[in-house]
C-alpha cells in the first residue's frame, strides 16, 4: 500500500510528530511505500536544523532525515507555514525541502491513503 503522511505539529510540543515518525518507519519497514511526508502548520518545525534537543532526548529532526535518506522519502515543508515561522532554506535540516500546497494535493492523488497527524 502507498501511504501519504501529513504532520501538523512540532517535534517538541505534541505527540503527533513522534507518532507520525513511528508510523512512517513501521510502514516502510513493513514493505509499504511512503513517497512523501508533508509538514504543515507547526509541523514545519520538524525540519529546523537549528533545534537542539537535550542529549537524553530524541532528535526527531535528525531521525526524519535519516529515515528519508534510507528509504527515499521526500520530506516537504509547506512554504507558507515555514515563512510564517521564520524558516527559510538556510535553516532546513538535511533531507527536507520547501515547496507549496500543490505537493500535498499531488500526494493525495498519488497514494492509497493519506494519514494526518496532529490537529
PDB file of N, CA and C in Angstrom:
ATOM      1  N   UNK A   1       0.835  -1.174   0.000  1.00  0.00           N
ATOM      2  CA  UNK A   1       0.000   0.000   0.000  1.00  0.00           C
ATOM      3  C   UNK A   1       0.880   1.238   0.000  1.00  0.00           C
ATOM      4  N   UNK A   2       0.392   2.287  -0.601  1.00  0.00           N
ATOM      5  CA  UNK A   2       1.103   3.565  -0.662  1.00  0.00           C
ATOM      6  C   UNK A   2       0.436   4.554   0.291  1.00  0.00           C
ATOM      7  N   UNK A   3       1.223   5.038   1.262  1.00  0.00           N
ATOM      8  CA  UNK A   3       0.727   5.992   2.248  1.00  0.00           C
ATOM      9  C   UNK A   3       1.332   7.368   2.024  1.00  0.00           C
ATOM     10  N   UNK A   4       0.504   8.382   2.132  1.00  0.00           N
ATOM     11  CA  UNK A   4       0.971   9.758   2.251  1.00  0.00           C
ATOM     12  C   UNK A   4       0.859  10.130   3.715  1.00  0.00           C
ATOM     13  N   UNK A   5       1.781  10.923   4.204  1.00  0.00           N
ATOM     14  CA  UNK A   5       1.771  11.318   5.612  1.00  0.00           C
ATOM     15  C   UNK A   5       1.823  12.833   5.687  1.00  0.00           C
ATOM     16  N   UNK A   6       0.972  13.392   6.554  1.00  0.00           N
ATOM     17  CA  UNK A   6       0.938  14.832   6.805  1.00  0.00           C
ATOM     18  C   UNK A   6       1.138  15.051   8.297  1.00  0.00           C
ATOM     19  N   UNK A   7       2.074  15.926   8.649  1.00  0.00           N
ATOM     20  CA  UNK A   7       2.390  16.207  10.049  1.00  0.00           C
ATOM     21  C   UNK A   7       2.090  17.678  10.324  1.00  0.00           C
ATOM     22  N   UNK A   8       1.198  17.938  11.287  1.00  0.00           N
ATOM     23  CA  UNK A   8       0.756  19.305  11.582  1.00  0.00           C
ATOM     24  C   UNK A   8       1.263  19.865  12.906  1.00  0.00           C
ATOM     25  N   UNK A   9       2.040  19.113  13.645  1.00  0.00           N
ATOM     26  CA  UNK A   9       2.523  19.557  14.955  1.00  0.00           C
ATOM     27  C   UNK A   9       4.045  19.505  15.021  1.00  0.00           C
ATOM     28  N   UNK A  10       4.602  20.367  15.847  1.00  0.00           N
ATOM     29  CA  UNK A  10       6.045  20.429  16.013  1.00  0.00           C
ATOM     30  C   UNK A  10       6.602  19.250  16.791  1.00  0.00           C
ATOM     31  N   UNK A  11       7.910  19.085  16.758  1.00  0.00           N
ATOM     32  CA  UNK A  11       8.538  17.909  17.367  1.00  0.00           C
ATOM     33  C   UNK A  11       8.611  17.932  18.890  1.00  0.00           C
ATOM     34  N   UNK A  12       8.378  19.065  19.523  1.00  0.00           N
ATOM     35  CA  UNK A  12       8.555  19.131  20.971  1.00  0.00           C
ATOM     36  C   UNK A  12       7.309  19.566  21.729  1.00  0.00           C
ATOM     37  N   UNK A  13       6.214  19.799  21.031  1.00  0.00           N
ATOM     38  CA  UNK A  13       5.020  20.302  21.707  1.00  0.00           C
ATOM     39  C   UNK A  13       3.845  19.336  21.685  1.00  0.00           C
ATOM     40  N   UNK A  14       3.970  18.258  20.955  1.00  0.00           N
ATOM     41  CA  UNK A  14       2.829  17.378  20.760  1.00  0.00           C
ATOM     42  C   UNK A  14       3.327  15.988  20.387  1.00  0.00           C
ATOM     43  N   UNK A  15       2.585  14.973  20.721  1.00  0.00           N
ATOM     44  CA  UNK A  15       2.949  13.591  20.415  1.00  0.00           C
ATOM     45  C   UNK A  15       2.840  13.271  18.927  1.00  0.00           C
ATOM     46  N   UNK A  16       2.137  14.102  18.169  1.00  0.00           N
ATOM     47  CA  UNK A  16       1.853  13.802  16.764  1.00  0.00           C
ATOM     48  C   UNK A  16       3.108  13.550  15.936  1.00  0.00           C
ATOM     49  N   UNK A  17       4.162  14.309  16.164  1.00  0.00           N
ATOM     50  CA  UNK A  17       5.392  14.126  15.388  1.00  0.00           C
ATOM     51  C   UNK A  17       6.030  12.775  15.648  1.00  0.00           C
ATOM     52  N   UNK A  18       6.082  12.387  16.919  1.00  0.00           N
ATOM     53  CA  UNK A  18       6.631  11.073  17.266  1.00  0.00           C
ATOM     54  C   UNK A  18       5.804   9.958  16.636  1.00  0.00           C
ATOM     55  N   UNK A  19       4.496  10.088  16.739  1.00  0.00           N
ATOM     56  CA  UNK A  19       3.602   9.062  16.197  1.00  0.00           C
ATOM     57  C   UNK A  19       3.726   8.982  14.682  1.00  0.00           C
ATOM     58  N   UNK A  20       3.806  10.134  14.024  1.00  0.00           N
ATOM     59  CA  UNK A  20       3.964  10.160  12.563  1.00  0.00           C
ATOM     60  C   UNK A  20       5.268   9.493  12.154  1.00  0.00           C
ATOM     61  N   UNK A  21       6.343   9.795  12.874  1.00  0.00           N
ATOM     62  CA  UNK A  21       7.643   9.188  12.574  1.00  0.00           C
ATOM     63  C   UNK A  21       7.577   7.671  12.744  1.00  0.00           C
ATOM     64  N   UNK A  22       7.017   7.217  13.854  1.00  0.00           N
ATOM     65  CA  UNK A  22       6.945   5.774  14.113  1.00  0.00           C
ATOM     66  C   UNK A  22       6.047   5.067  13.104  1.00  0.00           C
ATOM     67  N   UNK A  23       4.941   5.713  12.725  1.00  0.00           N
ATOM     68  CA  UNK A  23       4.056   5.146  11.712  1.00  0.00           C
ATOM     69  C   UNK A  23       4.795   5.007  10.380  1.00  0.00           C
ATOM     70  N   UNK A  24       5.465   6.067   9.962  1.00  0.00           N
ATOM     71  CA  UNK A  24       6.179   6.066   8.689  1.00  0.00           C
ATOM     72  C   UNK A  24       7.275   5.005   8.683  1.00  0.00           C
ATOM     73  N   UNK A  25       8.025   4.936   9.764  1.00  0.00           N
ATOM     74  CA  UNK A  25       9.110   3.945   9.877  1.00  0.00           C
ATOM     75  C   UNK A  25       8.544   2.528   9.810  1.00  0.00           C
ATOM     76  N   UNK A  26       7.479   2.268  10.551  1.00  0.00           N
ATOM     77  CA  UNK A  26       6.863   0.941  10.551  1.00  0.00           C
ATOM     78  C   UNK A  26       6.293   0.599   9.174  1.00  0.00           C
ATOM     79  N   UNK A  27       5.716   1.589   8.504  1.00  0.00           N
ATOM     80  CA  UNK A  27       5.132   1.341   7.176  1.00  0.00           C
ATOM     81  C   UNK A  27       6.204   0.913   6.177  1.00  0.00           C
ATOM     82  N   UNK A  28       7.301   1.659   6.107  1.00  0.00           N
ATOM     83  CA  UNK A  28       8.334   1.309   5.119  1.00  0.00           C
ATOM     84  C   UNK A  28       9.052   0.016   5.499  1.00  0.00           C
ATOM     85  N   UNK A  29       9.241  -0.215   6.775  1.00  0.00           N
ATOM     86  CA  UNK A  29       9.860  -1.469   7.202  1.00  0.00           C
ATOM     87  C   UNK A  29       8.935  -2.653   6.972  1.00  0.00           C
ATOM     88  N   UNK A  30       7.632  -2.389   6.891  1.00  0.00           N
ATOM     89  CA  UNK A  30       6.654  -3.434   6.621  1.00  0.00           C
ATOM     90  C   UNK A  30       6.389  -3.646   5.143  1.00  0.00           C
ATOM     91  N   UNK A  31       7.159  -2.986   4.293  1.00  0.00           N
ATOM     92  CA  UNK A  31       7.030  -3.193   2.860  1.00  0.00           C
ATOM     93  C   UNK A  31       6.094  -2.235   2.144  1.00  0.00           C
ATOM     94  N   UNK A  32       5.543  -1.286   2.858  1.00  0.00           N
ATOM     95  CA  UNK A  32       4.669  -0.289   2.232  1.00  0.00           C
ATOM     96  C   UNK A  32       5.516   0.856   1.684  1.00  0.00           C
ATOM     97  N   UNK A  33       4.914   1.669   0.847  1.00  0.00           N
ATOM     98  CA  UNK A  33       5.600   2.831   0.297  1.00  0.00           C
ATOM     99  C   UNK A  33       5.089   4.102   0.967  1.00  0.00           C
ATOM    100  N   UNK A  34       6.009   4.993   1.284  1.00  0.00           N
ATOM    101  CA  UNK A  34       5.678   6.329   1.770  1.00  0.00           C
ATOM    102  C   UNK A  34       6.519   7.286   0.917  1.00  0.00           C
ATOM    103  N   UNK A  35       5.961   7.742  -0.212  1.00  0.00           N
ATOM    104  CA  UNK A  35       6.752   8.569  -1.103  1.00  0.00           C
ATOM    105  C   UNK A  35       7.059   9.969  -0.566  1.00  0.00           C
ATOM    106  N   UNK A  36       6.164  10.485   0.303  1.00  0.00           N
ATOM    107  CA  UNK A  36       6.359  11.860   0.772  1.00  0.00           C
ATOM    108  C   UNK A  36       5.715  12.040   2.138  1.00  0.00           C
ATOM    109  N   UNK A  37       6.366  12.877   2.956  1.00  0.00           N
ATOM    110  CA  UNK A  37       5.780  13.358   4.200  1.00  0.00           C
ATOM    111  C   UNK A  37       5.684  14.870   4.039  1.00  0.00           C
ATOM    112  N   UNK A  38       4.480  15.402   4.251  1.00  0.00           N
ATOM    113  CA  UNK A  38       4.232  16.837   4.102  1.00  0.00           C
ATOM    114  C   UNK A  38       4.057  17.454   5.485  1.00  0.00           C
ATOM    115  N   UNK A  39       4.863  18.460   5.788  1.00  0.00           N
ATOM    116  CA  UNK A  39       4.838  19.126   7.089  1.00  0.00           C
ATOM    117  C   UNK A  39       4.140  20.469   6.939  1.00  0.00           C
ATOM    118  N   UNK A  40       3.097  20.664   7.756  1.00  0.00           N
ATOM    119  CA  UNK A  40       2.246  21.841   7.640  1.00  0.00           C
ATOM    120  C   UNK A  40       2.033  22.451   9.032  1.00  0.00           C
ATOM    121  N   UNK A  41       1.545  23.670   9.096  1.00  0.00           N
ATOM    122  CA  UNK A  41       1.351  24.381  10.359  1.00  0.00           C
ATOM    123  C   UNK A  41       2.633  24.295  11.189  1.00  0.00           C
ATOM    124  N   UNK A  42       2.535  24.013  12.489  1.00  0.00           N
ATOM    125  CA  UNK A  42       3.739  23.916  13.331  1.00  0.00           C
ATOM    126  C   UNK A  42       4.588  22.698  13.001  1.00  0.00           C
ATOM    127  N   UNK A  43       4.065  21.795  12.200  1.00  0.00           N
ATOM    128  CA  UNK A  43       4.827  20.633  11.767  1.00  0.00           C
ATOM    129  C   UNK A  43       6.084  20.996  11.003  1.00  0.00           C
ATOM    130  N   UNK A  44       6.126  22.202  10.433  1.00  0.00           N
ATOM    131  CA  UNK A  44       7.321  22.619   9.693  1.00  0.00           C
ATOM    132  C   UNK A  44       8.551  22.659  10.592  1.00  0.00           C
ATOM    133  N   UNK A  45       8.341  22.790  11.896  1.00  0.00           N
ATOM    134  CA  UNK A  45       9.472  22.828  12.828  1.00  0.00           C
ATOM    135  C   UNK A  45      10.216  21.495  12.916  1.00  0.00           C
ATOM    136  N   UNK A  46       9.644  20.447  12.376  1.00  0.00           N
ATOM    137  CA  UNK A  46      10.345  19.162  12.311  1.00  0.00           C
ATOM    138  C   UNK A  46      11.552  19.224  11.391  1.00  0.00           C
ATOM    139  N   UNK A  47      11.626  20.223  10.544  1.00  0.00           N
ATOM    140  CA  UNK A  47      12.728  20.344   9.605  1.00  0.00           C
ATOM    141  C   UNK A  47      13.719  21.446   9.931  1.00  0.00           C
ATOM    142  N   UNK A  48      13.691  21.957  11.141  1.00  0.00           N
ATOM    143  CA  UNK A  48      14.555  23.067  11.531  1.00  0.00           C
ATOM    144  C   UNK A  48      15.881  22.533  12.079  1.00  0.00           C
ATOM    145  N   UNK A  49      16.945  22.738  11.325  1.00  0.00           N
ATOM    146  CA  UNK A  49      18.253  22.214  11.752  1.00  0.00           C
ATOM    147  C   UNK A  49      18.829  22.952  12.958  1.00  0.00           C
ATOM    148  N   UNK A  50      18.237  24.073  13.331  1.00  0.00           N
ATOM    149  CA  UNK A  50      18.730  24.826  14.484  1.00  0.00           C
ATOM    150  C   UNK A  50      18.225  24.278  15.812  1.00  0.00           C
ATOM    151  N   UNK A  51      17.272  23.368  15.771  1.00  0.00           N
ATOM    152  CA  UNK A  51      16.774  22.799  17.024  1.00  0.00           C
ATOM    153  C   UNK A  51      17.832  21.876  17.622  1.00  0.00           C
ATOM    154  N   UNK A  52      18.005  21.978  18.928  1.00  0.00           N
ATOM    155  CA  UNK A  52      18.990  21.162  19.626  1.00  0.00           C
ATOM    156  C   UNK A  52      18.369  20.567  20.878  1.00  0.00           C
ATOM    157  N   UNK A  53      17.794  19.385  20.759  1.00  0.00           N
ATOM    158  CA  UNK A  53      17.220  18.754  21.952  1.00  0.00           C
ATOM    159  C   UNK A  53      18.314  18.362  22.937  1.00  0.00           C
ATOM    160  N   UNK A  54      17.913  18.172  24.174  1.00  0.00           N
ATOM    161  CA  UNK A  54      18.870  17.748  25.190  1.00  0.00           C
ATOM    162  C   UNK A  54      19.475  16.405  24.803  1.00  0.00           C
ATOM    163  N   UNK A  55      20.636  16.127  25.330  1.00  0.00           N
ATOM    164  CA  UNK A  55      21.359  14.902  24.975  1.00  0.00           C
ATOM    165  C   UNK A  55      20.564  13.639  25.272  1.00  0.00           C
ATOM    166  N   UNK A  56      19.713  13.659  26.298  1.00  0.00           N
ATOM    167  CA  UNK A  56      18.957  12.463  26.660  1.00  0.00           C
ATOM    168  C   UNK A  56      17.570  12.423  25.996  1.00  0.00           C
ATOM    169  N   UNK A  57      17.310  13.330  25.078  1.00  0.00           N
ATOM    170  CA  UNK A  57      16.017  13.388  24.383  1.00  0.00           C
ATOM    171  C   UNK A  57      16.194  12.916  22.942  1.00  0.00           C
ATOM    172  N   UNK A  58      15.120  12.435  22.333  1.00  0.00           N
ATOM    173  CA  UNK A  58      15.199  12.012  20.935  1.00  0.00           C
ATOM    174  C   UNK A  58      15.301  13.251  20.053  1.00  0.00           C
ATOM    175  N   UNK A  59      15.954  13.093  18.908  1.00  0.00           N
ATOM    176  CA  UNK A  59      16.144  14.196  17.964  1.00  0.00           C
ATOM    177  C   UNK A  59      15.326  13.877  16.708  1.00  0.00           C
ATOM    178  N   UNK A  60      14.068  14.295  16.702  1.00  0.00           N
ATOM    179  CA  UNK A  60      13.189  13.960  15.587  1.00  0.00           C
ATOM    180  C   UNK A  60      13.645  14.557  14.263  1.00  0.00           C
ATOM    181  N   UNK A  61      14.240  15.720  14.301  1.00  0.00           N
ATOM    182  CA  UNK A  61      14.729  16.335  13.062  1.00  0.00           C
ATOM    183  C   UNK A  61      15.744  15.404  12.400  1.00  0.00           C
ATOM    184  N   UNK A  62      16.684  14.934  13.173  1.00  0.00           N
ATOM    185  CA  UNK A  62      17.701  14.008  12.669  1.00  0.00           C
ATOM    186  C   UNK A  62      17.083  12.674  12.259  1.00  0.00           C
ATOM    187  N   UNK A  63      16.155  12.159  13.071  1.00  0.00           N
ATOM    188  CA  UNK A  63      15.521  10.872  12.762  1.00  0.00           C
ATOM    189  C   UNK A  63      14.738  10.930  11.450  1.00  0.00           C
ATOM    190  N   UNK A  64      14.001  12.018  11.218  1.00  0.00           N
ATOM    191  CA  UNK A  64      13.280  12.164   9.950  1.00  0.00           C
ATOM    192  C   UNK A  64      14.257  12.151   8.771  1.00  0.00           C
ATOM    193  N   UNK A  65      15.354  12.896   8.890  1.00  0.00           N
ATOM    194  CA  UNK A  65      16.340  12.946   7.811  1.00  0.00           C
ATOM    195  C   UNK A  65      16.957  11.588   7.521  1.00  0.00           C
ATOM    196  N   UNK A  66      17.280  10.843   8.565  1.00  0.00           N
ATOM    197  CA  UNK A  66      17.860   9.513   8.387  1.00  0.00           C
ATOM    198  C   UNK A  66      16.864   8.553   7.739  1.00  0.00           C
ATOM    199  N   UNK A  67      15.617   8.621   8.177  1.00  0.00           N
ATOM    200  CA  UNK A  67      14.580   7.758   7.607  1.00  0.00           C
ATOM    201  C   UNK A  67      14.372   8.075   6.132  1.00  0.00           C
ATOM    202  N   UNK A  68      14.343   9.353   5.811  1.00  0.00           N
ATOM    203  CA  UNK A  68      14.158   9.766   4.415  1.00  0.00           C
ATOM    204  C   UNK A  68      15.311   9.289   3.541  1.00  0.00           C
ATOM    205  N   UNK A  69      16.525   9.430   4.035  1.00  0.00           N
ATOM    206  CA  UNK A  69      17.694   9.006   3.265  1.00  0.00           C
ATOM    207  C   UNK A  69      17.703   7.492   3.055  1.00  0.00           C
ATOM    208  N   UNK A  70      17.322   6.750   4.061  1.00  0.00           N
ATOM    209  CA  UNK A  70      17.348   5.288   3.976  1.00  0.00           C
ATOM    210  C   UNK A  70      16.264   4.723   3.066  1.00  0.00           C
ATOM    211  N   UNK A  71      15.138   5.440   2.938  1.00  0.00           N
ATOM    212  CA  UNK A  71      14.005   4.878   2.201  1.00  0.00           C
ATOM    213  C   UNK A  71      13.517   5.757   1.048  1.00  0.00           C
ATOM    214  N   UNK A  72      14.257   6.778   0.704  1.00  0.00           N
ATOM    215  CA  UNK A  72      13.888   7.626  -0.426  1.00  0.00           C
ATOM    216  C   UNK A  72      12.600   8.398  -0.233  1.00  0.00           C
ATOM    217  N   UNK A  73      12.355   8.869   0.974  1.00  0.00           N
ATOM    218  CA  UNK A  73      11.138   9.614   1.283  1.00  0.00           C
ATOM    219  C   UNK A  73      11.392  11.106   1.071  1.00  0.00           C
ATOM    220  N   UNK A  74      10.469  11.749   0.377  1.00  0.00           N
ATOM    221  CA  UNK A  74      10.520  13.188   0.112  1.00  0.00           C
ATOM    222  C   UNK A  74       9.917  13.920   1.312  1.00  0.00           C
ATOM    223  N   UNK A  75      10.719  14.710   2.017  1.00  0.00           N
ATOM    224  CA  UNK A  75      10.250  15.474   3.173  1.00  0.00           C
ATOM    225  C   UNK A  75      10.000  16.907   2.735  1.00  0.00           C
ATOM    226  N   UNK A  76       8.729  17.302   2.691  1.00  0.00           N
ATOM    227  CA  UNK A  76       8.347  18.612   2.158  1.00  0.00           C
ATOM    228  C   UNK A  76       7.784  19.494   3.262  1.00  0.00           C
ATOM    229  N   UNK A  77       8.356  20.676   3.373  1.00  0.00           N
ATOM    230  CA  UNK A  77       7.908  21.700   4.311  1.00  0.00           C
ATOM    231  C   UNK A  77       7.050  22.694   3.536  1.00  0.00           C
ATOM    232  N   UNK A  78       5.849  23.003   4.040  1.00  0.00           N
ATOM    233  CA  UNK A  78       4.975  23.982   3.379  1.00  0.00           C
ATOM    234  C   UNK A  78       5.614  25.363   3.424  1.00  0.00           C
ATOM    235  N   UNK A  79       5.730  26.000   2.272  1.00  0.00           N
ATOM    236  CA  UNK A  79       6.400  27.293   2.180  1.00  0.00           C
ATOM    237  C   UNK A  79       5.678  28.366   2.983  1.00  0.00           C
ATOM    238  N   UNK A  80       4.362  28.447   2.896  1.00  0.00           N
ATOM    239  CA  UNK A  80       3.624  29.491   3.614  1.00  0.00           C
ATOM    240  C   UNK A  80       3.754  29.310   5.126  1.00  0.00           C
ATOM    241  N   UNK A  81       3.595  28.085   5.599  1.00  0.00           N
ATOM    242  CA  UNK A  81       3.724  27.807   7.035  1.00  0.00           C
ATOM    243  C   UNK A  81       5.153  28.064   7.511  1.00  0.00           C
ATOM    244  N   UNK A  82       6.125  27.722   6.678  1.00  0.00           N
ATOM    245  CA  UNK A  82       7.533  27.930   7.040  1.00  0.00           C
ATOM    246  C   UNK A  82       7.853  29.415   7.169  1.00  0.00           C
ATOM    247  N   UNK A  83       7.438  30.198   6.198  1.00  0.00           N
ATOM    248  CA  UNK A  83       7.740  31.625   6.232  1.00  0.00           C
ATOM    249  C   UNK A  83       7.071  32.320   7.411  1.00  0.00           C
ATOM    250  N   UNK A  84       5.872  31.889   7.772  1.00  0.00           N
ATOM    251  CA  UNK A  84       5.198  32.467   8.948  1.00  0.00           C
ATOM    252  C   UNK A  84       5.983  32.202  10.225  1.00  0.00           C
ATOM    253  N   UNK A  85       6.770  31.157  10.211  1.00  0.00           N
ATOM    254  CA  UNK A  85       7.532  30.776  11.400  1.00  0.00           C
ATOM    255  C   UNK A  85       9.021  31.110  11.268  1.00  0.00           C
ATOM    256  N   UNK A  86       9.358  31.912  10.279  1.00  0.00           N
ATOM    257  CA  UNK A  86      10.729  32.367  10.110  1.00  0.00           C
ATOM    258  C   UNK A  86      11.682  31.343   9.542  1.00  0.00           C
ATOM    259  N   UNK A  87      11.148  30.302   8.924  1.00  0.00           N
ATOM    260  CA  UNK A  87      12.007  29.261   8.366  1.00  0.00           C
ATOM    261  C   UNK A  87      12.253  29.511   6.889  1.00  0.00           C
ATOM    262  N   UNK A  88      13.498  29.448   6.505  1.00  0.00           N
ATOM    263  CA  UNK A  88      13.902  29.571   5.110  1.00  0.00           C
ATOM    264  C   UNK A  88      14.854  28.427   4.780  1.00  0.00           C
ATOM    265  N   UNK A  89      15.219  28.330   3.525  1.00  0.00           N
ATOM    266  CA  UNK A  89      16.083  27.234   3.075  1.00  0.00           C
ATOM    267  C   UNK A  89      17.349  27.087   3.914  1.00  0.00           C
ATOM    268  N   UNK A  90      17.886  28.204   4.383  1.00  0.00           N
ATOM    269  CA  UNK A  90      19.160  28.178   5.104  1.00  0.00           C
ATOM    270  C   UNK A  90      19.088  27.392   6.414  1.00  0.00           C
ATOM    271  N   UNK A  91      17.918  27.266   6.989  1.00  0.00           N
ATOM    272  CA  UNK A  91      17.836  26.567   8.277  1.00  0.00           C
ATOM    273  C   UNK A  91      17.130  25.213   8.175  1.00  0.00           C
ATOM    274  N   UNK A  92      16.964  24.728   6.955  1.00  0.00           N
ATOM    275  CA  UNK A  92      16.361  23.407   6.788  1.00  0.00           C
ATOM    276  C   UNK A  92      17.379  22.316   7.074  1.00  0.00           C
ATOM    277  N   UNK A  93      16.942  21.330   7.778  1.00  0.00           N
ATOM    278  CA  UNK A  93      17.794  20.170   8.068  1.00  0.00           C
ATOM    279  C   UNK A  93      17.976  19.352   6.796  1.00  0.00           C
ATOM    280  N   UNK A  94      19.011  18.554   6.794  1.00  0.00           N
ATOM    281  CA  UNK A  94      19.299  17.698   5.649  1.00  0.00           C
ATOM    282  C   UNK A  94      18.127  16.766   5.355  1.00  0.00           C
ATOM    283  N   UNK A  95      17.768  16.674   4.088  1.00  0.00           N
ATOM    284  CA  UNK A  95      16.684  15.801   3.663  1.00  0.00           C
ATOM    285  C   UNK A  95      15.357  16.506   3.486  1.00  0.00           C
ATOM    286  N   UNK A  96      15.225  17.727   3.999  1.00  0.00           N
ATOM    287  CA  UNK A  96      13.984  18.487   3.887  1.00  0.00           C
ATOM    288  C   UNK A  96      14.087  19.500   2.744  1.00  0.00           C
ATOM    289  N   UNK A  97      12.930  19.845   2.177  1.00  0.00           N
ATOM    290  CA  UNK A  97      12.875  20.904   1.179  1.00  0.00           C
ATOM    291  C   UNK A  97      11.579  21.678   1.353  1.00  0.00           C
ATOM    292  N   UNK A  98      11.573  22.906   0.880  1.00  0.00           N
ATOM    293  CA  UNK A  98      10.397  23.766   0.966  1.00  0.00           C
ATOM    294  C   UNK A  98       9.665  23.739  -0.368  1.00  0.00           C
ATOM    295  N   UNK A  99       8.339  23.622  -0.295  1.00  0.00           N
ATOM    296  CA  UNK A  99       7.515  23.662  -1.502  1.00  0.00           C
ATOM    297  C   UNK A  99       6.103  24.078  -1.109  1.00  0.00           C
ATOM    298  N   UNK A 100       5.206  24.094  -2.074  1.00  0.00           N
ATOM    299  CA  UNK A 100       3.859  24.581  -1.826  1.00  0.00           C
ATOM    300  C   UNK A 100       2.839  23.492  -1.571  1.00  0.00           C
ATOM    301  N   UNK A 101       1.592  23.932  -1.362  1.00  0.00           N
ATOM    302  CA  UNK A 101       0.496  23.014  -1.074  1.00  0.00           C
ATOM    303  C   UNK A 101       0.186  22.082  -2.237  1.00  0.00           C
ATOM    304  N   UNK A 102       0.635  22.430  -3.422  1.00  0.00           N
ATOM    305  CA  UNK A 102       0.452  21.538  -4.565  1.00  0.00           C
ATOM    306  C   UNK A 102       1.073  20.175  -4.317  1.00  0.00           C
ATOM    307  N   UNK A 103       2.147  20.148  -3.530  1.00  0.00           N
ATOM    308  CA  UNK A 103       2.799  18.874  -3.194  1.00  0.00           C
ATOM    309  C   UNK A 103       1.892  18.001  -2.330  1.00  0.00           C
ATOM    310  N   UNK A 104       1.074  18.643  -1.491  1.00  0.00           N
ATOM    311  CA  UNK A 104       0.126  17.895  -0.665  1.00  0.00           C
ATOM    312  C   UNK A 104      -0.998  17.325  -1.537  1.00  0.00           C
ATOM    313  N   UNK A 105      -1.496  18.127  -2.462  1.00  0.00           N
ATOM    314  CA  UNK A 105      -2.542  17.661  -3.373  1.00  0.00           C
ATOM    315  C   UNK A 105      -2.028  16.499  -4.212  1.00  0.00           C
ATOM    316  N   UNK A 106      -0.828  16.652  -4.736  1.00  0.00           N
ATOM    317  CA  UNK A 106      -0.211  15.586  -5.527  1.00  0.00           C
ATOM    318  C   UNK A 106      -0.050  14.313  -4.700  1.00  0.00           C
ATOM    319  N   UNK A 107       0.325  14.471  -3.448  1.00  0.00           N
ATOM    320  CA  UNK A 107       0.492  13.326  -2.553  1.00  0.00           C
ATOM    321  C   UNK A 107      -0.826  12.578  -2.384  1.00  0.00           C
ATOM    322  N   UNK A 108      -1.902  13.322  -2.171  1.00  0.00           N
ATOM    323  CA  UNK A 108      -3.211  12.705  -2.012  1.00  0.00           C
ATOM    324  C   UNK A 108      -3.660  11.941  -3.236  1.00  0.00           C
ATOM    325  N   UNK A 109      -3.313  12.453  -4.402  1.00  0.00           N
ATOM    326  CA  UNK A 109      -3.697  11.793  -5.652  1.00  0.00           C
ATOM    327  C   UNK A 109      -2.851  10.564  -5.957  1.00  0.00           C
ATOM    328  N   UNK A 110      -1.613  10.573  -5.484  1.00  0.00           N
ATOM    329  CA  UNK A 110      -0.668   9.506  -5.841  1.00  0.00           C
ATOM    330  C   UNK A 110      -0.621   8.355  -4.837  1.00  0.00           C
ATOM    331  N   UNK A 111      -1.362   8.469  -3.731  1.00  0.00           N
ATOM    332  CA  UNK A 111      -1.287   7.427  -2.702  1.00  0.00           C
ATOM    333  C   UNK A 111      -2.664   6.804  -2.449  1.00  0.00           C
ATOM    334  N   UNK A 112      -2.652   5.636  -1.809  1.00  0.00           N
ATOM    335  CA  UNK A 112      -3.897   4.969  -1.468  1.00  0.00           C
ATOM    336  C   UNK A 112      -4.585   5.612  -0.267  1.00  0.00           C
ATOM    337  N   UNK A 113      -3.780   6.057   0.687  1.00  0.00           N
ATOM    338  CA  UNK A 113      -4.289   6.689   1.905  1.00  0.00           C
ATOM    339  C   UNK A 113      -3.362   7.824   2.300  1.00  0.00           C
ATOM    340  N   UNK A 114      -3.951   8.901   2.826  1.00  0.00           N
ATOM    341  CA  UNK A 114      -3.175   9.970   3.416  1.00  0.00           C
ATOM    342  C   UNK A 114      -3.521  10.006   4.902  1.00  0.00           C
ATOM    343  N   UNK A 115      -2.512   9.861   5.728  1.00  0.00           N
ATOM    344  CA  UNK A 115      -2.698   9.812   7.171  1.00  0.00           C
ATOM    345  C   UNK A 115      -2.211  11.130   7.749  1.00  0.00           C
ATOM    346  N   UNK A 116      -3.077  11.772   8.555  1.00  0.00           N
ATOM    347  CA  UNK A 116      -2.778  13.083   9.114  1.00  0.00           C
ATOM    348  C   UNK A 116      -2.508  12.949  10.604  1.00  0.00           C
ATOM    349  N   UNK A 117      -1.417  13.555  11.057  1.00  0.00           N
ATOM    350  CA  UNK A 117      -1.034  13.537  12.470  1.00  0.00           C
ATOM    351  C   UNK A 117      -1.052  14.948  13.011  1.00  0.00           C
ATOM    352  N   UNK A 118      -1.844  15.175  14.046  1.00  0.00           N
ATOM    353  CA  UNK A 118      -1.976  16.490  14.657  1.00  0.00           C
ATOM    354  C   UNK A 118      -3.214  17.200  14.171  1.00  0.00           C
ATOM    355  N   UNK A 119      -3.581  18.243  14.926  1.00  0.00           N
ATOM    356  CA  UNK A 119      -4.807  18.998  14.603  1.00  0.00           C
ATOM    357  C   UNK A 119      -4.695  19.760  13.306  1.00  0.00           C
TER     358      UNK A 119
END
